[in-house]
Protein backbone atom coordinates (compact mmCIF):
# COMPACT_ATOMS: atom_id res chain seq x y z
CA UNK A 1 43.17 71.23 31.80
CA UNK A 2 43.84 69.17 28.69
CA UNK A 3 43.56 70.78 25.27
CA UNK A 4 41.06 69.44 22.74
CA UNK A 5 42.30 66.30 21.03
CA UNK A 6 43.10 67.31 17.42
CA UNK A 7 41.75 63.93 16.31
CA UNK A 8 38.29 65.39 16.87
CA UNK A 9 38.81 67.12 13.54
CA UNK A 10 39.04 63.87 11.59
CA UNK A 11 37.03 60.70 11.37
CA UNK A 12 38.45 57.86 9.27
CA UNK A 13 40.67 60.36 7.53
CA UNK A 14 37.78 62.71 6.71
CA UNK A 15 37.74 66.17 8.25
CA UNK A 16 34.54 66.97 10.15
CA UNK A 17 33.60 70.28 11.75
CA UNK A 18 33.92 70.67 15.49
CA UNK A 19 30.69 70.57 17.45
CA UNK A 20 29.45 73.77 19.07
CA UNK A 21 30.42 72.45 22.49
CA UNK A 22 33.93 71.62 21.24
CA UNK A 23 34.30 75.10 19.77
CA UNK A 24 33.33 76.74 23.07
CA UNK A 25 35.77 74.49 24.91
CA UNK A 26 38.42 75.49 22.38
CA UNK A 27 37.77 79.18 23.12
CA UNK A 28 38.06 78.60 26.87
CA UNK A 29 41.37 76.78 26.46
CA UNK A 30 42.81 79.11 23.82
CA UNK A 31 46.12 80.84 24.41
CA UNK A 32 44.54 83.99 22.98
CA UNK A 33 41.94 86.22 24.62
CA UNK A 34 38.54 85.31 23.17
CA UNK A 35 35.25 87.22 23.04
CA UNK A 36 31.57 86.30 22.94
CA UNK A 37 28.63 88.64 22.43
CA UNK A 38 25.21 88.84 24.03
CA UNK A 39 22.14 87.76 22.08
CA UNK A 40 18.59 87.28 23.29
CA UNK A 41 16.61 85.87 20.35
CA UNK A 42 17.06 84.40 16.90
CA UNK A 43 17.47 87.75 15.13
CA UNK A 44 20.17 89.01 17.49
CA UNK A 45 21.93 85.62 17.34
CA UNK A 46 22.18 85.96 13.57
CA UNK A 47 23.47 89.52 13.92
CA UNK A 48 26.17 88.34 16.33
CA UNK A 49 27.27 85.71 13.83
CA UNK A 50 27.39 88.20 10.95
CA UNK A 51 29.44 90.62 13.06
CA UNK A 52 32.17 87.98 13.21
CA UNK A 53 31.96 86.74 16.79
CA UNK A 54 32.87 83.14 17.47
CA UNK A 55 30.33 82.60 20.23
CA UNK A 56 27.14 83.86 21.89
CA UNK A 57 26.32 84.75 25.48
CA UNK A 58 22.64 84.02 26.07
CA UNK A 59 22.17 86.69 28.72
CA UNK A 60 19.63 86.11 31.45
CA UNK A 61 19.08 89.86 31.76
CA UNK A 62 18.59 90.31 28.01
CA UNK A 63 16.31 87.28 27.58
CA UNK A 64 14.18 88.43 30.53
CA UNK A 65 14.04 91.94 29.12
CA UNK A 66 12.91 90.83 25.68
CA UNK A 67 10.13 88.90 27.42
CA UNK A 68 9.31 92.12 29.29
CA UNK A 69 9.89 90.63 32.76
CA UNK A 70 12.45 91.17 35.52
CA UNK A 71 15.76 89.35 35.80
CA UNK A 72 14.48 87.50 38.87
CA UNK A 73 13.69 84.10 37.33
CA UNK A 74 10.28 85.45 36.34
CA UNK A 75 10.78 83.77 32.97
CA UNK A 76 10.72 80.02 33.59
CA UNK A 77 13.68 77.87 32.61
CA UNK A 78 11.53 76.11 30.00
CA UNK A 79 10.70 79.47 28.39
CA UNK A 80 14.40 80.31 28.34
CA UNK A 81 15.28 76.95 26.76
CA UNK A 82 12.55 77.37 24.12
CA UNK A 83 14.01 80.77 23.27
CA UNK A 84 17.47 79.22 23.01
CA UNK A 85 16.17 76.80 20.39
CA UNK A 86 15.37 79.74 18.09
CA UNK A 87 18.81 81.21 18.75
CA UNK A 88 20.56 77.92 17.97
CA UNK A 89 18.55 77.52 14.76
CA UNK A 90 19.40 81.07 13.65
CA UNK A 91 23.15 80.74 14.20
CA UNK A 92 25.65 77.90 14.18
CA UNK A 93 27.76 79.61 16.84
CA UNK A 94 28.37 77.98 20.22
CA UNK A 95 26.02 79.42 22.85
CA UNK A 96 26.92 79.78 26.53
CA UNK A 97 23.73 80.19 28.55
CA UNK A 98 23.55 82.51 31.51
CA UNK A 99 21.79 79.86 33.61
CA UNK A 100 21.37 82.00 36.75
CA UNK A 101 21.53 79.66 39.76
CA UNK A 102 20.64 76.59 37.74
CA UNK A 103 16.90 77.19 38.30
CA UNK A 104 16.80 75.17 41.51
CA UNK A 105 18.82 72.45 43.22
CA UNK A 106 21.14 69.78 41.81
CA UNK A 107 18.24 67.93 40.19
CA UNK A 108 17.14 71.01 38.25
CA UNK A 109 20.72 71.43 37.02
CA UNK A 110 20.85 67.82 35.82
CA UNK A 111 17.65 68.25 33.81
CA UNK A 112 18.77 71.64 32.50
CA UNK A 113 22.05 70.23 31.17
CA UNK A 114 20.26 67.41 29.35
CA UNK A 115 17.76 69.80 27.77
CA UNK A 116 20.48 72.21 26.72
CA UNK A 117 22.46 69.45 25.03
CA UNK A 118 19.34 68.31 23.19
CA UNK A 119 19.11 71.78 21.66
CA UNK A 120 22.77 72.05 20.73
CA UNK A 121 23.73 74.56 23.42
CA UNK A 122 27.47 74.49 24.12
CA UNK A 123 27.56 75.27 27.83
CA UNK A 124 25.93 76.87 30.85
CA UNK A 125 27.14 79.35 33.45
CA UNK A 126 25.64 79.02 36.93
CA UNK A 127 26.17 81.47 39.79
CA UNK A 128 26.58 80.77 43.50
CA UNK A 129 23.50 82.64 44.76
CA UNK A 130 20.13 81.56 46.08
CA UNK A 131 17.18 80.71 43.82
CA UNK A 132 15.29 82.77 42.75
CA UNK A 133 18.14 85.11 41.89
CA UNK A 134 18.24 88.89 41.56
CA UNK A 135 20.48 90.68 39.08
CA UNK A 136 23.92 91.23 40.58
CA UNK A 137 23.82 94.98 40.02
CA UNK A 138 20.63 95.45 42.09
CA UNK A 139 21.69 95.56 45.74
CA UNK A 140 24.35 92.92 45.19
CA UNK A 141 25.95 93.33 48.61
CA UNK A 142 22.66 92.39 50.24
CA UNK A 143 22.22 89.15 48.28
CA UNK A 144 23.03 85.92 50.11
CA UNK A 145 25.45 83.42 48.59
CA UNK A 146 24.81 79.71 48.24
CA UNK A 147 26.51 77.23 50.55
CA UNK A 148 29.77 76.13 48.95
CA UNK A 149 29.12 72.42 49.31
CA UNK A 150 25.58 72.74 47.95
CA UNK A 151 26.84 74.67 44.92
CA UNK A 152 29.63 72.15 44.33
CA UNK A 153 26.92 69.49 44.30
CA UNK A 154 25.19 71.34 41.46
CA UNK A 155 28.42 71.42 39.46
CA UNK A 156 29.06 67.71 39.99
CA UNK A 157 25.46 66.84 39.11
CA UNK A 158 25.70 68.84 35.89
CA UNK A 159 29.01 67.27 34.86
CA UNK A 160 27.74 63.77 35.59
CA UNK A 161 24.64 64.42 33.46
CA UNK A 162 26.27 65.72 30.29
CA UNK A 163 26.51 63.37 27.31
CA UNK A 164 29.11 65.41 25.41
CA UNK A 165 32.49 65.59 27.13
CA UNK A 166 32.97 69.05 25.63
CA UNK A 167 29.84 70.56 27.18
CA UNK A 168 31.13 73.27 29.54
CA UNK A 169 29.90 74.31 32.96
CA UNK A 170 31.20 77.71 34.01
CA UNK A 171 30.99 78.52 37.73
CA UNK A 172 30.25 82.17 38.42
CA UNK A 173 31.69 83.53 41.69
CA UNK A 174 29.62 86.32 43.26
CA UNK A 175 31.73 86.88 46.39
CA UNK A 176 33.10 90.23 45.20
CA UNK A 177 29.62 91.43 44.23
CA UNK A 178 28.25 90.48 47.65
CA UNK A 179 31.12 92.16 49.49
CA UNK A 180 32.68 89.00 50.93
CA UNK A 181 36.18 89.91 49.79
CA UNK A 182 38.99 88.49 47.71
CA UNK A 183 39.89 85.62 49.99
CA UNK A 184 36.37 84.22 49.92
CA UNK A 185 36.22 84.64 46.14
CA UNK A 186 39.42 82.63 45.70
CA UNK A 187 38.28 79.96 48.15
CA UNK A 188 35.00 79.46 46.35
CA UNK A 189 36.62 79.45 42.90
CA UNK A 190 39.04 76.69 43.94
CA UNK A 191 36.24 74.59 45.41
CA UNK A 192 34.25 74.92 42.21
CA UNK A 193 37.27 73.98 40.11
CA UNK A 194 37.79 70.84 42.15
CA UNK A 195 34.08 70.02 41.80
CA UNK A 196 34.59 69.89 38.01
CA UNK A 197 33.84 73.40 36.74
CA UNK A 198 35.40 73.91 33.31
CA UNK A 199 35.99 77.64 33.90
CA UNK A 200 35.51 80.31 36.55
CA UNK A 201 33.61 83.54 35.91
CA UNK A 202 34.71 86.19 38.39
CA UNK A 203 32.30 89.11 38.64
CA UNK A 204 32.79 92.65 39.92
CA UNK A 205 30.61 95.74 40.14
CA UNK A 206 33.45 98.27 40.48
CA UNK A 207 34.04 100.82 37.74
CA UNK A 208 37.72 99.85 37.69
CA UNK A 209 39.20 96.43 37.00
CA UNK A 210 41.35 96.32 40.14
CA UNK A 211 39.49 93.42 41.73
CA UNK A 212 39.55 91.42 38.52
CA UNK A 213 43.25 91.90 37.91
CA UNK A 214 44.05 91.04 41.53
CA UNK A 215 41.92 87.89 41.38
CA UNK A 216 43.56 86.82 38.10
CA UNK A 217 47.03 87.28 39.60
CA UNK A 218 46.14 85.24 42.68
CA UNK A 219 44.32 82.63 40.66
CA UNK A 220 47.40 81.82 38.65
CA UNK A 221 45.72 80.15 35.61
CA UNK A 222 44.43 77.18 37.60
CA UNK A 223 41.46 77.08 35.21
CA UNK A 224 40.18 79.30 32.39
CA UNK A 225 38.99 82.67 33.69
CA UNK A 226 35.94 84.47 32.28
CA UNK A 227 34.99 88.10 32.96
CA UNK A 228 32.06 90.45 32.23
CA UNK A 229 33.40 94.05 32.01
CA UNK A 230 30.00 95.76 32.01
CA UNK A 231 30.90 98.12 34.87
CA UNK A 232 34.62 98.53 34.20
CA UNK A 233 34.13 98.97 30.45
CA UNK A 234 36.75 101.72 30.09
CA UNK A 235 39.60 99.38 31.03
CA UNK A 236 41.87 98.77 28.00
CA UNK A 237 41.44 95.25 26.66
CA UNK A 238 45.21 94.69 26.76
CA UNK A 239 44.99 94.80 30.55
CA UNK A 240 42.90 91.64 30.42
CA UNK A 241 45.26 89.98 27.97
CA UNK A 242 48.20 90.61 30.25
CA UNK A 243 46.21 89.35 33.24
CA UNK A 244 45.68 85.99 31.54
CA UNK A 245 41.92 86.24 31.08
CA UNK A 246 40.58 83.52 28.76
CA UNK A 247 37.18 84.85 27.69
CA UNK A 248 35.44 88.23 27.76
CA UNK A 249 31.63 88.42 27.64
CA UNK A 250 30.05 91.55 26.19
CA UNK A 251 26.98 90.85 28.22
CA UNK A 252 23.98 93.06 27.46
CA UNK A 253 24.75 95.59 24.77
CA UNK A 254 22.46 94.40 21.98
CA UNK A 255 19.36 94.47 24.18
CA UNK A 256 20.36 97.93 25.42
CA UNK A 257 20.88 99.37 21.95
CA UNK A 258 17.62 97.75 20.81
CA UNK A 259 15.76 99.40 23.69
CA UNK A 260 17.25 102.84 23.08
CA UNK A 261 16.59 102.58 19.34
CA UNK A 262 12.96 101.54 19.82
CA UNK A 263 12.39 104.29 22.38
CA UNK A 264 13.73 106.98 20.05
CA UNK A 265 11.79 105.79 17.00
CA UNK A 266 8.52 105.27 18.87
CA UNK A 267 8.78 108.75 20.41
CA UNK A 268 9.55 110.37 17.06
CA UNK A 269 6.66 108.68 15.25
CA UNK A 270 4.22 109.44 18.07
CA UNK A 271 5.16 113.11 18.30
CA UNK A 272 5.42 113.84 14.57
CA UNK A 273 2.76 111.46 13.21
CA UNK A 274 4.92 110.62 10.21
CA UNK A 275 7.53 108.07 9.19
CA UNK A 276 9.57 110.45 7.08
CA UNK A 277 11.97 111.36 9.91
CA UNK A 278 12.87 107.80 10.83
CA UNK A 279 12.76 105.71 7.67
CA UNK A 280 16.31 106.52 6.57
CA UNK A 281 17.71 105.81 10.06
CA UNK A 282 16.36 102.29 10.55
CA UNK A 283 16.89 98.94 8.88
CA UNK A 284 14.94 98.45 5.68
CA UNK A 285 12.21 95.84 5.50
CA UNK A 286 14.36 93.97 2.99
CA UNK A 287 17.19 93.85 5.52
CA UNK A 288 14.82 92.19 8.00
CA UNK A 289 13.84 89.70 5.31
CA UNK A 290 17.53 88.99 4.70
CA UNK A 291 18.20 88.42 8.40
CA UNK A 292 15.24 86.06 8.45
CA UNK A 293 16.90 84.10 5.61
CA UNK A 294 13.96 84.65 3.29
CA UNK A 295 16.09 83.76 0.24
CA UNK A 296 16.62 80.25 1.60
CA UNK A 297 12.86 79.76 1.72
CA UNK A 298 12.50 80.96 -1.86
CA UNK A 299 15.15 78.49 -2.96
CA UNK A 300 13.44 75.69 -1.03
CA UNK A 301 10.14 76.47 -2.75
CA UNK A 302 11.76 75.58 -6.06
CA UNK A 303 12.62 72.14 -4.70
CA UNK A 304 9.71 71.15 -2.53
CA UNK A 305 6.60 73.12 -3.45
CA UNK A 306 4.06 72.07 -6.09
CA UNK A 307 5.60 68.70 -6.81
CA UNK A 308 9.14 69.90 -7.29
CA UNK A 309 8.22 72.90 -9.43
CA UNK A 310 8.70 76.41 -8.15
CA UNK A 311 5.70 78.74 -8.04
CA UNK A 312 5.34 80.34 -11.45
CA UNK A 313 6.43 83.78 -12.51
CA UNK A 314 5.06 86.23 -15.03
CA UNK A 315 6.53 88.92 -17.25
CA UNK A 316 4.10 91.58 -18.46
CA UNK A 317 5.12 93.82 -21.35
CA UNK A 318 3.68 97.23 -20.63
CA UNK A 319 6.07 99.78 -22.13
CA UNK A 320 3.78 101.34 -24.73
CA UNK A 321 1.52 104.35 -24.66
CA UNK A 322 -1.07 102.74 -26.91
CA UNK A 323 -1.60 103.69 -30.55
CA UNK A 324 -5.03 105.17 -31.12
CA UNK A 325 -5.40 105.82 -27.40
CA UNK A 326 -3.32 108.98 -27.18
CA UNK A 327 -6.27 111.05 -25.97
CA UNK A 328 -6.52 108.84 -22.90
CA UNK A 329 -2.85 108.23 -22.20
CA UNK A 330 -1.38 111.70 -21.94
CA UNK A 331 -0.42 111.16 -18.28
CA UNK A 332 -0.36 107.36 -18.04
CA UNK A 333 0.57 104.27 -20.04
CA UNK A 334 -2.14 102.15 -21.63
CA UNK A 335 -1.96 99.51 -18.90
CA UNK A 336 -3.10 102.08 -16.31
CA UNK A 337 -6.32 102.95 -18.13
CA UNK A 338 -9.31 102.30 -15.85
CA UNK A 339 -11.51 99.38 -16.83
CA UNK A 340 -14.63 98.76 -14.74
CA UNK A 341 -13.18 100.61 -11.79
CA UNK A 342 -9.55 99.48 -11.75
CA UNK A 343 -6.54 99.75 -14.04
CA UNK A 344 -6.17 97.32 -16.90
CA UNK A 345 -2.87 96.10 -15.44
CA UNK A 346 -4.50 95.33 -12.09
CA UNK A 347 -6.99 92.98 -13.78
CA UNK A 348 -4.05 91.13 -15.27
CA UNK A 349 -2.02 91.03 -12.04
CA UNK A 350 -5.02 89.85 -10.04
CA UNK A 351 -5.58 87.11 -12.60
CA UNK A 352 -2.02 85.88 -12.14
CA UNK A 353 -2.28 85.97 -8.36
CA UNK A 354 -5.52 84.01 -8.44
CA UNK A 355 -3.57 81.23 -10.16
CA UNK A 356 -0.81 81.32 -7.55
CA UNK A 357 1.59 83.35 -9.70
CA UNK A 358 2.89 85.99 -7.31
CA UNK A 359 6.32 86.77 -8.78
CA UNK A 360 5.24 89.28 -11.42
CA UNK A 361 7.62 91.52 -13.35
CA UNK A 362 6.15 94.40 -15.35
CA UNK A 363 8.29 96.06 -18.00
CA UNK A 364 7.35 99.73 -18.14
CA UNK A 365 8.46 102.42 -20.52
CA UNK A 366 6.15 105.30 -21.37
CA UNK A 367 5.13 107.08 -18.12
CA UNK A 368 6.52 104.14 -16.13
CA UNK A 369 6.41 106.26 -13.00
CA UNK A 370 2.60 106.19 -13.22
CA UNK A 371 2.45 102.38 -13.01
CA UNK A 372 1.05 101.06 -9.74
CA UNK A 373 3.93 98.90 -8.52
CA UNK A 374 2.04 97.26 -5.64
CA UNK A 375 2.66 93.52 -5.71
CA UNK A 376 4.92 93.59 -8.76
CA UNK A 377 8.56 94.07 -9.72
CA UNK A 378 8.84 97.04 -12.06
CA UNK A 379 11.69 97.21 -14.57
CA UNK A 380 12.07 99.77 -17.32
CA UNK A 381 12.77 99.77 -21.01
CA UNK A 382 14.07 103.31 -21.28
CA UNK A 383 14.32 102.95 -25.09
CA UNK A 384 10.67 102.02 -25.45
CA UNK A 385 10.04 104.72 -28.08
CA UNK A 386 12.47 103.20 -30.59
CA UNK A 387 12.31 99.50 -29.68
CA UNK A 388 9.85 96.65 -29.91
CA UNK A 389 8.53 93.98 -27.59
CA UNK A 390 11.67 91.83 -27.59
CA UNK A 391 13.73 94.70 -26.21
CA UNK A 392 11.26 94.95 -23.34
CA UNK A 393 11.43 91.21 -22.77
CA UNK A 394 15.23 91.40 -22.80
CA UNK A 395 15.03 93.98 -20.00
CA UNK A 396 13.37 91.30 -17.85
CA UNK A 397 15.36 88.31 -19.10
CA UNK A 398 17.18 87.88 -15.79
CA UNK A 399 13.85 87.27 -14.05
CA UNK A 400 13.24 84.04 -15.99
CA UNK A 401 14.27 81.80 -13.10
CA UNK A 402 11.02 79.85 -12.73
CA UNK A 403 8.33 78.66 -15.10
CA UNK A 404 7.19 81.94 -16.61
CA UNK A 405 4.13 83.29 -18.38
CA UNK A 406 4.92 86.09 -20.83
CA UNK A 407 1.96 88.34 -21.53
CA UNK A 408 0.95 91.53 -23.24
CA UNK A 409 -0.16 94.13 -20.73
CA UNK A 410 -3.48 94.94 -22.38
CA UNK A 411 -5.27 91.60 -21.89
CA UNK A 412 -8.45 90.54 -20.15
CA UNK A 413 -9.33 86.85 -20.10
CA UNK A 414 -11.24 84.20 -18.22
CA UNK A 415 -9.28 82.45 -15.53
CA UNK A 416 -9.41 79.00 -17.15
CA UNK A 417 -7.26 80.26 -20.04
CA UNK A 418 -4.33 80.98 -17.76
CA UNK A 419 -4.95 77.87 -15.67
CA UNK A 420 -4.84 75.57 -18.69
CA UNK A 421 -1.77 77.33 -20.09
CA UNK A 422 0.34 76.86 -16.95
CA UNK A 423 -0.85 73.26 -16.52
CA UNK A 424 0.87 72.12 -19.70
CA UNK A 425 4.16 70.20 -19.47
CA UNK A 426 5.48 71.59 -22.75
CA UNK A 427 8.65 73.74 -22.64
CA UNK A 428 6.85 76.30 -24.81
CA UNK A 429 3.11 76.83 -25.21
CA UNK A 430 0.86 79.57 -26.54
CA UNK A 431 -2.84 80.40 -26.48
CA UNK A 432 -4.52 80.57 -29.90
CA UNK A 433 -8.10 81.77 -30.33
CA UNK A 434 -9.70 79.66 -33.07
CA UNK A 435 -12.84 81.80 -33.21
CA UNK A 436 -11.15 84.67 -35.10
CA UNK A 437 -9.92 83.18 -38.35
CA UNK A 438 -10.53 86.43 -40.23
CA UNK A 439 -9.92 90.05 -39.27
CA UNK A 440 -12.84 91.88 -37.68
CA UNK A 441 -11.10 95.26 -37.47
CA UNK A 442 -7.85 96.91 -38.45
CA UNK A 443 -6.19 96.15 -35.11
CA UNK A 444 -6.39 92.37 -35.44
CA UNK A 445 -2.94 90.86 -35.94
CA UNK A 446 -0.77 87.88 -34.98
CA UNK A 447 -2.60 85.27 -37.04
CA UNK A 448 -1.43 81.76 -36.30
CA UNK A 449 -0.91 78.73 -38.51
CA UNK A 450 -0.75 75.44 -36.63
CA UNK A 451 -0.18 71.77 -37.30
CA UNK A 452 -3.92 71.10 -37.01
CA UNK A 453 -7.10 73.09 -36.75
CA UNK A 454 -9.13 73.34 -33.56
CA UNK A 455 -11.33 70.26 -33.41
CA UNK A 456 -13.83 70.95 -30.65
CA UNK A 457 -14.83 67.28 -30.51
CA UNK A 458 -11.33 65.87 -30.04
CA UNK A 459 -9.67 66.72 -26.71
CA UNK A 460 -6.07 65.94 -25.83
CA UNK A 461 -4.63 66.26 -29.31
CA UNK A 462 -1.18 67.80 -29.52
CA UNK A 463 -1.14 70.78 -31.84
CA UNK A 464 2.05 72.68 -32.64
CA UNK A 465 2.58 76.24 -33.80
CA UNK A 466 3.96 76.60 -37.33
CA UNK A 467 4.16 80.38 -37.70
CA UNK A 468 2.63 83.71 -36.72
CA UNK A 469 2.13 86.56 -39.18
CA UNK A 470 0.13 89.75 -39.69
CA UNK A 471 -0.28 88.92 -43.39
CA UNK A 472 -2.88 86.42 -44.58
CA UNK A 473 -2.00 85.16 -48.08
CA UNK A 474 -4.92 84.42 -50.37
CA UNK A 475 -6.15 80.86 -49.98
CA UNK A 476 -4.12 80.21 -46.83
CA UNK A 477 -6.52 80.83 -43.96
CA UNK A 478 -4.93 80.88 -40.49
CA UNK A 479 -6.09 78.53 -37.74
CA UNK A 480 -6.62 81.36 -35.29
CA UNK A 481 -5.08 84.34 -33.60
CA UNK A 482 -2.39 84.42 -30.93
CA UNK A 483 -3.87 86.35 -28.02
CA UNK A 484 -0.56 87.46 -26.44
CA UNK A 485 -0.01 84.74 -23.82
CA UNK A 486 2.84 82.24 -23.83
CA UNK A 487 4.29 79.94 -21.18
CA UNK A 488 7.93 78.92 -20.84
CA UNK A 489 8.58 75.90 -18.67
CA UNK A 490 11.51 73.88 -17.33
CA UNK A 491 14.46 73.63 -19.73
CA UNK A 492 12.65 75.92 -22.12
CA UNK A 493 13.74 78.92 -20.03
CA UNK A 494 17.43 78.43 -20.79
CA UNK A 495 16.73 77.73 -24.46
CA UNK A 496 14.60 80.86 -24.75
CA UNK A 497 17.27 82.99 -23.07
CA UNK A 498 19.89 81.56 -25.40
CA UNK A 499 17.77 82.33 -28.46
CA UNK A 500 17.00 85.79 -27.15
CA UNK A 501 20.73 86.40 -26.84
CA UNK A 502 21.25 85.32 -30.45
CA UNK A 503 18.45 87.56 -31.68
CA UNK A 504 20.02 90.51 -29.89
CA UNK A 505 22.96 90.23 -32.27
CA UNK A 506 20.71 90.93 -35.26
CA UNK A 507 20.87 94.51 -36.57
CA UNK A 508 17.06 94.66 -36.61
CA UNK A 509 16.64 93.46 -33.02
CA UNK A 510 15.19 96.77 -31.84
CA UNK A 511 12.23 96.29 -34.20
CA UNK A 512 11.43 92.67 -33.29
CA UNK A 513 8.26 91.70 -31.42
CA UNK A 514 7.14 88.56 -29.61
CA UNK A 515 5.78 86.89 -32.77
CA UNK A 516 9.32 87.14 -34.18
CA UNK A 517 10.56 85.28 -31.13
CA UNK A 518 7.91 82.56 -31.55
CA UNK A 519 8.79 82.15 -35.22
CA UNK A 520 12.48 81.96 -34.32
CA UNK A 521 11.71 79.21 -31.80
CA UNK A 522 9.87 77.22 -34.47
CA UNK A 523 12.70 77.80 -36.95
CA UNK A 524 15.19 76.52 -34.36
CA UNK A 525 13.27 73.24 -34.14
CA UNK A 526 11.49 73.92 -30.88
CA UNK A 527 8.00 72.50 -30.43
CA UNK A 528 5.63 75.25 -29.39
CA UNK A 529 2.43 73.64 -28.18
CA UNK A 530 -0.90 75.28 -28.96
CA UNK A 531 -3.70 75.67 -26.41
CA UNK A 532 -6.84 76.52 -28.34
CA UNK A 533 -9.58 78.72 -26.89
CA UNK A 534 -12.79 79.97 -28.43
CA UNK A 535 -13.22 83.56 -27.32
CA UNK A 536 -13.38 84.49 -23.62
CA UNK A 537 -10.66 87.12 -23.80
CA UNK A 538 -10.19 90.68 -24.98
CA UNK A 539 -7.25 92.83 -26.00
CA UNK A 540 -7.33 96.60 -25.76
CA UNK A 541 -5.82 97.85 -29.00
CA UNK A 542 -7.98 100.88 -29.82
CA UNK A 543 -10.86 102.99 -28.51
CA UNK A 544 -13.50 100.46 -29.56
CA UNK A 545 -11.65 97.71 -27.69
CA UNK A 546 -11.36 99.96 -24.66
CA UNK A 547 -15.10 100.64 -24.60
CA UNK A 548 -15.92 96.94 -24.92
CA UNK A 549 -13.37 96.04 -22.23
CA UNK A 550 -15.61 97.50 -19.53
CA UNK A 551 -18.49 95.23 -20.51
CA UNK A 552 -16.14 92.25 -20.50
CA UNK A 553 -14.78 93.08 -17.04
CA UNK A 554 -18.25 93.69 -15.54
CA UNK A 555 -19.20 90.18 -16.60
CA UNK A 556 -16.53 88.56 -14.45
CA UNK A 557 -17.18 86.46 -11.40
CA UNK A 558 -15.27 87.43 -8.24
CA UNK A 559 -12.89 84.50 -8.79
CA UNK A 560 -12.02 84.90 -12.46
CA UNK A 561 -10.33 87.40 -14.70
CA UNK A 562 -12.90 87.37 -17.47
CA UNK A 563 -16.57 86.84 -17.99
CA UNK A 564 -18.84 86.66 -20.99
CA UNK A 565 -17.42 88.83 -23.72
CA UNK A 566 -20.18 88.59 -26.28
CA UNK A 567 -17.89 86.66 -28.62
CA UNK A 568 -18.10 83.03 -29.57
CA UNK A 569 -18.25 80.72 -26.56
CA UNK A 570 -17.18 77.14 -26.04
């Protein structure tokens, strides 16, 4: 056997990775003892790769078992090949298929080899028994062997059909299993080698490795030798090294441990009718997501979904108890107060989700443990009692990876308000209600002065925020009120995070609120675009607001966050 040409590693002076078939061939020809591990689907293939193995054995027994059928060719070869495609996609390791008898005669082997190469499979092992086969450990001595010449024809047909010179055909000798003796095993192995087999797999059902070691000694390294020590598992691995074995296949252990694990967990849950006994002993759901490569999909969303923009995110500031609401918030934060049958926060979260914003971070503080965390990421501002809104935002700053809506947690609004806000291309934008130019109660705050007033007859004009303040100087009427919604888009995220970092250096940072951030953005020369509305929202700042919030929520349609609020309408 010739070693792999090292020039395969370079093309025009540029290093290129070896193909899967070349890597399997390299393992077969290695001077070191190599190992491959059984896998039977995409998940197990990825686990084999992460464990550190250099190759995969696609076990016929294991693949049949995961289909729930017998290892008697009850799963068709096309079903096996389809399953292999998932395994190849899940792992870049070379895969050697346990191809049973080749699923038929020489013609079936030719077609099998072509289909395997199309799916990036590195090689196939075929055994010299009669189709349909039976597992070697089930009455092996009673199983007839194939005619030598007929089996050699299969090997030749497979080799003549392969497009990649490195695709390997391993000939599996069953003479020892069938009780035909050592001489017959050696005779068959030599015939298969001369027919073009790239390696010989010698199989034994004894609990000791005597037959294997004897065969290896008599074989004398005429071709790479592969073994499957399922029965003689207690033999020290150094015995195989000294015997000159090329490749060891750990053939069925992942399917066996999967079966025993599922049996134990199913029995425990059935008998005890609870998950508490098993949850800490099994993989977490997040671990399954990781093995499925869920993070890659999230990264791809940012590139390909919604015209190159990632799905939006939201940060909801919900750390406060609620001034003036203490009688209602003894055991819960303000955002968990029930409004028309569900918590205030849930109205807000549902509104985001209706606009396709599913990555929602809620910053809790007071009674954060009482916040319903379903469908959200909950972070905490543990210093909520002595800090302001910017400290809560800073607690979630690392989540600003996508276009992000920043919102107070006590808002109800019609769905169009959020839709129009996230549709803007501006790096920074805010929602200003032009219908409240003067205070209607003591809780009204965040008055906004803009570059132009709200002209209801002129659409499409670009209006910029100039400042936000609680104080209204005499003769300087504001243009409206900021409702507590802002959007940060594109490059604005990095600029906002940078400014937030600078503000954190101020000695008064703990007392700063979101209006201070907006004013700092304007002072830094950023253009903060204004989206005017005329009512159609409600904040819950006191008991009167809370009572009116129920009427607002009851007026909603099933597909919006807000309905008629009794205030000025468009």
